Structure formats: structure tokens, C-alpha cells
N, C-alpha and C. Protein backbone atom coordinates (compact mmCIF):
# COMPACT_ATOMS: atom_id res chain seq x y z
N MET A 1 2.40 -22.72 9.31
CA MET A 1 1.94 -23.00 7.97
C MET A 1 1.27 -24.38 7.92
N ALA A 2 1.83 -25.37 8.63
CA ALA A 2 1.26 -26.72 8.65
C ALA A 2 -0.11 -26.70 9.33
N ASP A 3 -0.26 -25.87 10.38
CA ASP A 3 -1.55 -25.78 11.06
C ASP A 3 -2.62 -25.21 10.12
N ARG A 4 -2.23 -24.20 9.36
CA ARG A 4 -3.18 -23.58 8.42
C ARG A 4 -3.57 -24.60 7.34
N LEU A 5 -2.61 -25.37 6.84
CA LEU A 5 -2.89 -26.37 5.82
C LEU A 5 -3.81 -27.46 6.38
N ASN A 6 -3.57 -27.88 7.62
CA ASN A 6 -4.43 -28.89 8.26
C ASN A 6 -5.86 -28.38 8.42
N SER A 7 -6.01 -27.13 8.81
CA SER A 7 -7.36 -26.59 8.99
C SER A 7 -8.07 -26.43 7.64
N VAL A 8 -7.33 -26.10 6.58
CA VAL A 8 -7.94 -26.00 5.25
C VAL A 8 -8.37 -27.39 4.77
N ILE A 9 -7.53 -28.40 5.00
CA ILE A 9 -7.86 -29.77 4.61
C ILE A 9 -9.08 -30.26 5.38
N ARG A 10 -9.15 -29.97 6.68
CA ARG A 10 -10.31 -30.35 7.49
C ARG A 10 -11.58 -29.67 6.99
N ALA A 11 -11.46 -28.39 6.67
CA ALA A 11 -12.63 -27.65 6.17
C ALA A 11 -13.12 -28.24 4.85
N LEU A 12 -12.19 -28.57 3.96
CA LEU A 12 -12.57 -29.18 2.69
C LEU A 12 -13.20 -30.56 2.90
N PHE A 13 -12.66 -31.32 3.83
CA PHE A 13 -13.19 -32.64 4.13
C PHE A 13 -14.62 -32.53 4.67
N ILE A 14 -14.84 -31.61 5.59
CA ILE A 14 -16.18 -31.41 6.17
C ILE A 14 -17.16 -30.92 5.10
N LEU A 15 -16.70 -30.01 4.25
CA LEU A 15 -17.55 -29.51 3.17
C LEU A 15 -17.93 -30.64 2.20
N THR A 16 -16.97 -31.50 1.89
CA THR A 16 -17.23 -32.63 1.01
C THR A 16 -18.24 -33.59 1.64
N LEU A 17 -18.08 -33.88 2.93
CA LEU A 17 -19.02 -34.75 3.62
C LEU A 17 -20.43 -34.17 3.62
N CYS A 18 -20.53 -32.87 3.89
CA CYS A 18 -21.85 -32.22 3.89
C CYS A 18 -22.50 -32.30 2.51
N THR A 19 -21.72 -32.07 1.47
CA THR A 19 -22.25 -32.13 0.11
C THR A 19 -22.73 -33.54 -0.21
N LEU A 20 -21.96 -34.54 0.17
CA LEU A 20 -22.37 -35.92 -0.08
C LEU A 20 -23.64 -36.28 0.68
N MET A 21 -23.74 -35.83 1.93
CA MET A 21 -24.92 -36.13 2.73
C MET A 21 -26.17 -35.49 2.12
N VAL A 22 -26.04 -34.27 1.63
CA VAL A 22 -27.18 -33.60 1.01
C VAL A 22 -27.60 -34.33 -0.26
N SER A 23 -26.63 -34.74 -1.08
CA SER A 23 -26.98 -35.42 -2.33
C SER A 23 -27.59 -36.79 -2.07
N VAL A 24 -27.11 -37.50 -1.05
CA VAL A 24 -27.68 -38.81 -0.71
C VAL A 24 -29.10 -38.63 -0.21
N ARG A 25 -29.33 -37.62 0.60
CA ARG A 25 -30.69 -37.36 1.12
C ARG A 25 -31.63 -36.97 -0.02
N ALA A 26 -31.16 -36.16 -0.94
CA ALA A 26 -31.98 -35.77 -2.09
C ALA A 26 -32.30 -36.98 -2.96
N GLN A 27 -31.34 -37.87 -3.11
CA GLN A 27 -31.56 -39.08 -3.92
C GLN A 27 -32.61 -39.98 -3.26
N ALA A 28 -32.61 -40.04 -1.94
CA ALA A 28 -33.57 -40.87 -1.23
C ALA A 28 -34.99 -40.34 -1.39
N LEU A 29 -35.14 -39.05 -1.57
CA LEU A 29 -36.46 -38.45 -1.71
C LEU A 29 -37.05 -38.64 -3.10
N LEU A 30 -36.21 -38.93 -4.09
CA LEU A 30 -36.70 -39.11 -5.45
C LEU A 30 -37.49 -40.41 -5.55
N SER A 31 -38.57 -40.38 -6.31
CA SER A 31 -39.35 -41.60 -6.50
C SER A 31 -38.79 -42.39 -7.67
N ASP A 32 -39.28 -43.57 -7.83
CA ASP A 32 -38.84 -44.45 -8.91
C ASP A 32 -39.31 -43.86 -10.24
N PRO A 33 -38.40 -43.56 -11.16
CA PRO A 33 -38.81 -42.94 -12.42
C PRO A 33 -39.58 -43.88 -13.34
N THR A 34 -39.52 -45.19 -13.09
CA THR A 34 -40.25 -46.13 -13.94
C THR A 34 -41.65 -46.42 -13.42
N ARG A 35 -41.97 -45.94 -12.24
CA ARG A 35 -43.28 -46.18 -11.65
C ARG A 35 -44.31 -45.25 -12.29
N PRO A 36 -45.50 -45.77 -12.65
CA PRO A 36 -46.51 -44.91 -13.26
C PRO A 36 -47.03 -43.89 -12.25
N PRO A 37 -47.53 -42.76 -12.73
CA PRO A 37 -48.09 -41.75 -11.82
C PRO A 37 -49.22 -42.33 -10.98
N ALA A 38 -49.47 -41.73 -9.83
CA ALA A 38 -50.46 -42.24 -8.90
C ALA A 38 -51.86 -42.30 -9.51
N GLY A 39 -52.19 -41.38 -10.38
CA GLY A 39 -53.51 -41.36 -11.00
C GLY A 39 -53.74 -42.49 -11.98
N ILE A 40 -52.67 -43.06 -12.50
CA ILE A 40 -52.80 -44.12 -13.51
C ILE A 40 -52.87 -45.49 -12.88
N SER A 41 -52.06 -45.74 -11.87
CA SER A 41 -52.03 -47.08 -11.27
C SER A 41 -53.30 -47.31 -10.48
N SER A 42 -53.78 -48.54 -10.51
CA SER A 42 -55.00 -48.87 -9.80
C SER A 42 -54.68 -49.14 -8.33
N PRO A 43 -55.57 -48.75 -7.43
CA PRO A 43 -55.31 -49.00 -6.02
C PRO A 43 -55.31 -50.49 -5.68
N ASP A 44 -56.05 -51.30 -6.45
CA ASP A 44 -56.10 -52.74 -6.18
C ASP A 44 -54.76 -53.40 -6.45
N ALA A 45 -54.04 -52.94 -7.47
CA ALA A 45 -52.77 -53.57 -7.84
C ALA A 45 -51.72 -53.39 -6.75
N ASP A 46 -51.73 -52.24 -6.09
CA ASP A 46 -50.75 -51.99 -5.04
C ASP A 46 -51.15 -52.62 -3.72
N ALA A 47 -52.46 -52.73 -3.47
CA ALA A 47 -52.94 -53.17 -2.18
C ALA A 47 -52.68 -54.66 -1.93
N GLY A 48 -53.30 -55.52 -2.73
CA GLY A 48 -53.19 -56.92 -2.42
C GLY A 48 -52.67 -57.78 -3.54
N GLY A 49 -52.62 -57.25 -4.70
CA GLY A 49 -52.17 -58.05 -5.83
C GLY A 49 -53.32 -58.88 -6.38
N VAL A 50 -53.02 -59.67 -7.36
CA VAL A 50 -54.02 -60.49 -8.03
C VAL A 50 -53.93 -61.90 -7.48
N THR A 51 -55.09 -62.48 -7.18
CA THR A 51 -55.10 -63.86 -6.71
C THR A 51 -55.49 -64.76 -7.87
N GLY A 52 -54.95 -65.94 -7.90
CA GLY A 52 -55.26 -66.88 -8.97
C GLY A 52 -54.35 -66.69 -10.17
N PRO A 53 -54.60 -67.48 -11.21
CA PRO A 53 -53.75 -67.41 -12.40
C PRO A 53 -53.93 -66.09 -13.15
N VAL A 54 -52.85 -65.63 -13.78
CA VAL A 54 -52.86 -64.38 -14.54
C VAL A 54 -52.38 -64.68 -15.95
N LEU A 55 -53.17 -64.28 -16.95
CA LEU A 55 -52.78 -64.44 -18.34
C LEU A 55 -51.82 -63.31 -18.70
N GLN A 56 -50.61 -63.67 -19.09
CA GLN A 56 -49.58 -62.67 -19.38
C GLN A 56 -49.34 -62.49 -20.87
N SER A 57 -49.54 -63.55 -21.66
CA SER A 57 -49.25 -63.47 -23.08
C SER A 57 -50.00 -64.57 -23.82
N VAL A 58 -50.33 -64.27 -25.08
CA VAL A 58 -50.97 -65.27 -25.95
C VAL A 58 -50.15 -65.35 -27.22
N MET A 59 -49.81 -66.56 -27.62
CA MET A 59 -49.05 -66.78 -28.86
C MET A 59 -49.84 -67.71 -29.76
N ILE A 60 -50.24 -67.19 -30.93
CA ILE A 60 -50.99 -67.98 -31.90
C ILE A 60 -50.16 -68.04 -33.18
N PRO A 61 -49.33 -69.08 -33.34
CA PRO A 61 -48.47 -69.18 -34.53
C PRO A 61 -49.26 -69.64 -35.75
N LYS A 62 -48.70 -69.41 -36.94
CA LYS A 62 -49.34 -69.89 -38.17
C LYS A 62 -49.33 -71.41 -38.22
N LYS A 63 -48.23 -72.01 -37.74
CA LYS A 63 -48.12 -73.46 -37.69
C LYS A 63 -47.86 -73.87 -36.24
N GLY A 64 -48.44 -74.95 -35.83
CA GLY A 64 -48.22 -75.43 -34.48
C GLY A 64 -49.37 -75.05 -33.56
N LYS A 65 -49.27 -75.52 -32.32
CA LYS A 65 -50.32 -75.27 -31.34
C LYS A 65 -50.19 -73.88 -30.74
N PRO A 66 -51.31 -73.21 -30.56
CA PRO A 66 -51.26 -71.94 -29.85
C PRO A 66 -50.92 -72.18 -28.38
N SER A 67 -50.33 -71.19 -27.75
CA SER A 67 -49.97 -71.32 -26.35
C SER A 67 -50.17 -70.00 -25.64
N ALA A 68 -50.17 -70.08 -24.33
CA ALA A 68 -50.33 -68.89 -23.49
C ALA A 68 -49.32 -68.95 -22.36
N VAL A 69 -48.94 -67.79 -21.88
CA VAL A 69 -48.11 -67.71 -20.68
C VAL A 69 -49.05 -67.33 -19.55
N ILE A 70 -49.22 -68.28 -18.63
CA ILE A 70 -50.12 -68.09 -17.50
C ILE A 70 -49.29 -68.20 -16.23
N GLY A 71 -49.26 -67.14 -15.47
CA GLY A 71 -48.49 -67.14 -14.23
C GLY A 71 -47.02 -67.45 -14.44
N GLY A 72 -46.46 -67.04 -15.57
CA GLY A 72 -45.05 -67.26 -15.85
C GLY A 72 -44.74 -68.62 -16.46
N GLN A 73 -45.75 -69.44 -16.68
CA GLN A 73 -45.55 -70.79 -17.23
C GLN A 73 -46.19 -70.87 -18.61
N GLN A 74 -45.44 -71.37 -19.60
CA GLN A 74 -46.00 -71.52 -20.95
C GLN A 74 -46.85 -72.77 -21.01
N VAL A 75 -48.11 -72.60 -21.45
CA VAL A 75 -49.07 -73.70 -21.52
C VAL A 75 -49.62 -73.75 -22.93
N LYS A 76 -49.48 -74.91 -23.59
CA LYS A 76 -50.04 -75.09 -24.93
C LYS A 76 -51.50 -75.50 -24.81
N LEU A 77 -52.26 -75.24 -25.87
CA LEU A 77 -53.67 -75.59 -25.91
C LEU A 77 -53.83 -77.09 -25.66
N GLY A 78 -54.67 -77.44 -24.69
CA GLY A 78 -54.89 -78.84 -24.34
C GLY A 78 -54.04 -79.31 -23.17
N GLU A 79 -53.01 -78.56 -22.80
CA GLU A 79 -52.14 -78.96 -21.68
C GLU A 79 -52.72 -78.49 -20.35
N LEU A 80 -52.16 -79.05 -19.28
CA LEU A 80 -52.60 -78.70 -17.93
C LEU A 80 -51.81 -77.53 -17.37
N TYR A 81 -52.51 -76.68 -16.64
CA TYR A 81 -51.89 -75.64 -15.82
C TYR A 81 -52.40 -75.91 -14.41
N GLY A 82 -51.56 -76.52 -13.59
CA GLY A 82 -52.01 -76.96 -12.28
C GLY A 82 -53.02 -78.08 -12.45
N ASP A 83 -54.22 -77.90 -11.88
CA ASP A 83 -55.30 -78.88 -12.02
C ASP A 83 -56.23 -78.56 -13.19
N SER A 84 -56.01 -77.45 -13.86
CA SER A 84 -56.91 -77.01 -14.93
C SER A 84 -56.28 -77.23 -16.30
N ARG A 85 -57.14 -77.47 -17.29
CA ARG A 85 -56.69 -77.68 -18.66
C ARG A 85 -57.05 -76.45 -19.49
N LEU A 86 -56.11 -76.03 -20.35
CA LEU A 86 -56.34 -74.92 -21.26
C LEU A 86 -57.18 -75.44 -22.42
N ILE A 87 -58.47 -75.05 -22.47
CA ILE A 87 -59.38 -75.62 -23.47
C ILE A 87 -59.67 -74.67 -24.63
N LYS A 88 -59.46 -73.39 -24.45
CA LYS A 88 -59.75 -72.43 -25.52
C LYS A 88 -58.78 -71.26 -25.40
N LEU A 89 -58.37 -70.74 -26.56
CA LEU A 89 -57.42 -69.64 -26.57
C LEU A 89 -57.75 -68.71 -27.72
N SER A 90 -57.87 -67.43 -27.42
CA SER A 90 -58.06 -66.42 -28.47
C SER A 90 -57.02 -65.33 -28.24
N GLU A 91 -57.06 -64.31 -29.08
CA GLU A 91 -56.04 -63.26 -28.97
C GLU A 91 -56.18 -62.44 -27.68
N ARG A 92 -57.34 -62.51 -27.04
CA ARG A 92 -57.56 -61.72 -25.83
C ARG A 92 -57.86 -62.51 -24.57
N GLU A 93 -58.10 -63.82 -24.70
CA GLU A 93 -58.46 -64.58 -23.50
C GLU A 93 -58.01 -66.04 -23.59
N ALA A 94 -57.91 -66.64 -22.41
CA ALA A 94 -57.64 -68.07 -22.29
C ALA A 94 -58.72 -68.65 -21.38
N VAL A 95 -59.17 -69.84 -21.72
CA VAL A 95 -60.22 -70.48 -20.93
C VAL A 95 -59.64 -71.75 -20.32
N LEU A 96 -59.70 -71.83 -18.99
CA LEU A 96 -59.23 -73.00 -18.25
C LEU A 96 -60.43 -73.76 -17.72
N GLU A 97 -60.37 -75.09 -17.80
CA GLU A 97 -61.42 -75.93 -17.22
C GLU A 97 -60.77 -76.82 -16.18
N GLY A 98 -61.30 -76.76 -14.97
CA GLY A 98 -60.73 -77.55 -13.89
C GLY A 98 -61.78 -78.02 -12.92
N PRO A 99 -61.36 -78.49 -11.76
CA PRO A 99 -62.31 -79.01 -10.77
C PRO A 99 -63.29 -77.94 -10.29
N GLY A 100 -62.87 -76.69 -10.31
CA GLY A 100 -63.73 -75.60 -9.86
C GLY A 100 -64.63 -75.06 -10.96
N GLY A 101 -64.59 -75.65 -12.14
CA GLY A 101 -65.41 -75.18 -13.26
C GLY A 101 -64.55 -74.48 -14.30
N ILE A 102 -65.20 -73.63 -15.08
CA ILE A 102 -64.52 -72.92 -16.16
C ILE A 102 -64.09 -71.54 -15.66
N GLU A 103 -62.86 -71.19 -15.98
CA GLU A 103 -62.32 -69.89 -15.58
C GLU A 103 -61.78 -69.18 -16.82
N ARG A 104 -62.25 -67.96 -17.03
CA ARG A 104 -61.79 -67.16 -18.17
C ARG A 104 -60.74 -66.17 -17.69
N LEU A 105 -59.60 -66.18 -18.35
CA LEU A 105 -58.52 -65.24 -18.03
C LEU A 105 -58.41 -64.25 -19.18
N MET A 106 -58.58 -62.98 -18.88
CA MET A 106 -58.49 -61.95 -19.91
C MET A 106 -57.06 -61.39 -19.93
N LEU A 107 -56.57 -61.12 -21.14
CA LEU A 107 -55.23 -60.55 -21.29
C LEU A 107 -55.19 -59.13 -20.74
N THR A 108 -56.26 -58.38 -20.96
CA THR A 108 -56.36 -57.02 -20.43
C THR A 108 -57.66 -56.90 -19.65
N PRO A 109 -57.68 -57.35 -18.39
CA PRO A 109 -58.92 -57.30 -17.62
C PRO A 109 -59.34 -55.85 -17.38
N GLY A 110 -60.64 -55.62 -17.44
CA GLY A 110 -61.15 -54.28 -17.22
C GLY A 110 -61.18 -53.42 -18.46
N ILE A 111 -60.66 -53.92 -19.57
CA ILE A 111 -60.66 -53.16 -20.82
C ILE A 111 -61.46 -53.95 -21.84
N GLU A 112 -62.51 -53.33 -22.35
CA GLU A 112 -63.33 -53.99 -23.35
C GLU A 112 -63.18 -53.29 -24.68
N LYS A 113 -63.18 -54.07 -25.74
CA LYS A 113 -63.06 -53.51 -27.08
C LYS A 113 -64.44 -53.04 -27.54
N THR A 114 -64.52 -51.80 -28.00
CA THR A 114 -65.77 -51.28 -28.55
C THR A 114 -65.50 -50.74 -29.94
N ASN A 115 -66.44 -50.96 -30.82
CA ASN A 115 -66.32 -50.46 -32.18
C ASN A 115 -66.96 -49.08 -32.27
N ILE A 116 -66.28 -48.17 -32.94
CA ILE A 116 -66.81 -46.83 -33.15
C ILE A 116 -67.42 -46.78 -34.54
N ILE A 117 -68.68 -46.41 -34.59
CA ILE A 117 -69.37 -46.31 -35.87
C ILE A 117 -69.37 -44.84 -36.27
N ARG A 118 -68.70 -44.54 -37.36
CA ARG A 118 -68.64 -43.17 -37.84
C ARG A 118 -69.69 -42.96 -38.92
N LYS A 119 -70.33 -41.82 -38.83
CA LYS A 119 -71.33 -41.49 -39.84
C LYS A 119 -70.62 -40.91 -41.05
N SER A 120 -71.16 -41.20 -42.20
CA SER A 120 -70.58 -40.64 -43.42
C SER A 120 -70.91 -39.16 -43.49
N SER A 121 -70.17 -38.44 -44.30
CA SER A 121 -70.41 -37.00 -44.42
C SER A 121 -71.79 -36.73 -45.00
N ALA A 122 -72.30 -37.60 -45.86
CA ALA A 122 -73.65 -37.43 -46.42
C ALA A 122 -74.70 -37.57 -45.33
N ALA A 123 -74.51 -38.50 -44.41
CA ALA A 123 -75.46 -38.68 -43.32
C ALA A 123 -75.44 -37.49 -42.37
N LYS A 124 -74.25 -36.92 -42.15
CA LYS A 124 -74.15 -35.73 -41.29
C LYS A 124 -74.89 -34.55 -41.91
N ARG A 125 -74.73 -34.37 -43.23
CA ARG A 125 -75.41 -33.26 -43.90
C ARG A 125 -76.92 -33.45 -43.86
N ALA A 126 -77.36 -34.71 -43.97
CA ALA A 126 -78.79 -34.99 -43.95
C ALA A 126 -79.40 -34.65 -42.60
N GLN A 127 -78.61 -34.79 -41.53
CA GLN A 127 -79.09 -34.45 -40.20
C GLN A 127 -78.89 -32.98 -39.87
N GLY A 128 -78.29 -32.24 -40.76
CA GLY A 128 -78.07 -30.82 -40.52
C GLY A 128 -76.78 -30.52 -39.80
N GLY A 129 -75.91 -31.51 -39.67
CA GLY A 129 -74.65 -31.31 -38.96
C GLY A 129 -73.55 -30.78 -39.84
N GLY A 130 -73.73 -30.82 -41.16
CA GLY A 130 -72.67 -30.38 -42.07
C GLY A 130 -72.79 -28.91 -42.41
N LYS A 131 -71.75 -28.34 -42.94
CA LYS A 131 -71.77 -26.93 -43.36
C LYS A 131 -72.41 -26.84 -44.74
N PRO A 132 -73.18 -25.79 -45.00
CA PRO A 132 -73.82 -25.65 -46.31
C PRO A 132 -72.84 -25.31 -47.39
């Protein structure tokens, strides 16, 4: 009876180990759920990263000096970031002036704001685009 119990315990132990190994292997194959899909992420961001300062945030308070977070460091308008001075700040960009000249940092590089001009319904009808 003890031999049978030992063999059952061994079988359960081996089965448990196999189940754990399969679940660990399956977990290793899963990708990071917070990572954006491959079609969305840019190849440049994964390859080498961004060189130079990066504008991360712009804060324009009602009272007080506007400031920006550049490369993880908060810089107020007129202050130095490294060898460059923050000379201009808007809701979408920061302008640094330094020994190398003027450098514009965009909050969303590669994205430009465009205005959409919608035609009025009267203009559409005049062009024949409206229903009679």
C-alpha cells in the first residue's frame, strides 16, 4: 500500500512540474501588453533612440513663468538647459539658444496641426453636391 501511495505522489509531483513548466513557457512567449502594436511604433524609436534634448511637457500657468520639461529637467523661460537658454515657449514648442545656434524642440515631432475648412450646406448645394 505504501509503494502504491509513493508512486501516486510521484506521479502527481511530476504532473505538477510539467504543468508549471508549460505555463512558464507560455508566459515567456507572451509579449508585453503595454507595448504598442508593431504597425504603430516607429522603427526609429526602437533602433537608436533620440539624440539631443527632448521636449516632454510644456506648462504655461496663468501666473508665474512658463516652464518646460526637457530631458527630464524642468526649465523655466530664460533659464539654462546645459549650455543653451530657453528663449521662447509655446504650447507646442520650446526654443533653445546656445553655442550651436537656435534649436526648436517640438512637443509632438512629426505631427503638424492642420485646419479643416468645411463648406456650408448652401455652398455644397450651389456646387451640385446637395440633394434636391
